[in-house]
Amino acid sequence: MIYKDIKLECGSGIDLLVEKQVVVELKSIEQIAAIHEAVVLTYLKLSHNVTGLLINFHVPVLKDGIRRYI
């Protein structure tokens, strides 16, 4: 990741970047916490994108596990 012309070596990054426009963070957890939302918002800010999806696969119906951020 590059922030203010500084290359940051980090152990994690964006799970998926669709068409260089949509940041997708994938999870399989019982409940989405505030930290998971903060991660998506941070990725949006650092990647200069405006749309993000947080998808949690640990739900009975997948549409209930999708959150959109703009």
Protein backbone atom coordinates (compact mmCIF):
# COMPACT_ATOMS: atom_id res chain seq x y z
CA MET A 1 0.00 0.00 0.00
CA ILE A 2 1.27 3.48 -0.79
CA TYR A 3 0.23 6.42 1.40
CA LYS A 4 1.58 9.96 0.89
CA ASP A 5 4.41 8.62 -1.30
CA ILE A 6 5.43 6.15 1.43
CA LYS A 7 5.27 2.46 0.71
CA LEU A 8 3.71 0.65 3.67
CA GLU A 9 4.48 -3.01 4.16
CA CYS A 10 1.39 -4.52 5.70
CA GLY A 11 0.17 -8.05 6.27
CA SER A 12 -3.30 -7.44 4.91
CA GLY A 13 -4.91 -5.67 2.04
CA ILE A 14 -8.03 -5.41 -0.03
CA ASP A 15 -9.59 -8.83 -0.57
CA LEU A 16 -11.01 -7.93 -4.00
CA LEU A 17 -10.94 -4.83 -6.17
CA VAL A 18 -13.58 -5.05 -8.91
CA GLU A 19 -12.92 -3.03 -12.07
CA LYS A 20 -10.61 -0.74 -10.03
CA GLN A 21 -13.78 0.81 -8.56
CA VAL A 22 -15.38 -1.43 -5.93
CA VAL A 23 -13.53 -2.54 -2.79
CA VAL A 24 -14.80 -5.92 -1.54
CA GLU A 25 -13.99 -7.23 1.94
CA LEU A 26 -14.93 -10.87 2.56
CA LYS A 27 -15.71 -12.29 5.99
CA SER A 28 -17.18 -15.44 7.50
CA ILE A 29 -18.00 -14.37 11.06
CA GLU A 30 -21.03 -14.51 13.34
CA GLN A 31 -21.55 -10.76 13.52
CA ILE A 32 -20.07 -7.72 11.80
CA ALA A 33 -18.26 -5.48 14.29
CA ALA A 34 -17.33 -1.82 14.05
CA ILE A 35 -13.71 -2.75 13.30
CA HIS A 36 -14.78 -4.58 10.12
CA GLU A 37 -16.64 -1.50 8.93
CA ALA A 38 -13.61 0.65 9.76
CA VAL A 39 -11.39 -1.61 7.66
CA VAL A 40 -13.62 -1.18 4.61
CA LEU A 41 -13.77 2.59 5.07
CA THR A 42 -9.98 2.74 5.46
CA TYR A 43 -9.47 0.74 2.27
CA LEU A 44 -11.85 3.08 0.45
CA LYS A 45 -9.96 6.14 1.63
CA LEU A 46 -6.49 4.77 0.85
CA SER A 47 -7.48 3.38 -2.56
CA HIS A 48 -9.37 6.57 -3.56
CA ASN A 49 -12.51 4.56 -4.37
CA VAL A 50 -16.05 5.50 -3.38
CA THR A 51 -17.89 2.17 -3.27
CA GLY A 52 -17.23 -0.74 -0.96
CA LEU A 53 -18.91 -4.01 -0.07
CA LEU A 54 -18.55 -5.96 3.15
CA ILE A 55 -19.78 -9.51 2.53
CA ASN A 56 -20.30 -11.90 5.42
CA PHE A 57 -20.78 -15.54 4.37
CA HIS A 58 -21.77 -16.71 7.87
CA VAL A 59 -25.50 -15.98 7.38
CA PRO A 60 -28.41 -18.23 6.34
CA VAL A 61 -29.33 -15.97 3.39
CA LEU A 62 -26.41 -14.27 1.63
CA LYS A 63 -28.31 -11.03 0.88
CA ASP A 64 -28.54 -10.48 4.65
CA GLY A 65 -24.75 -10.54 4.90
CA ILE A 66 -24.01 -7.80 2.35
CA ARG A 67 -23.37 -4.20 3.41
CA ARG A 68 -22.64 -1.38 0.97
CA TYR A 69 -20.50 1.65 1.82
CA ILE A 70 -20.18 4.88 -0.16
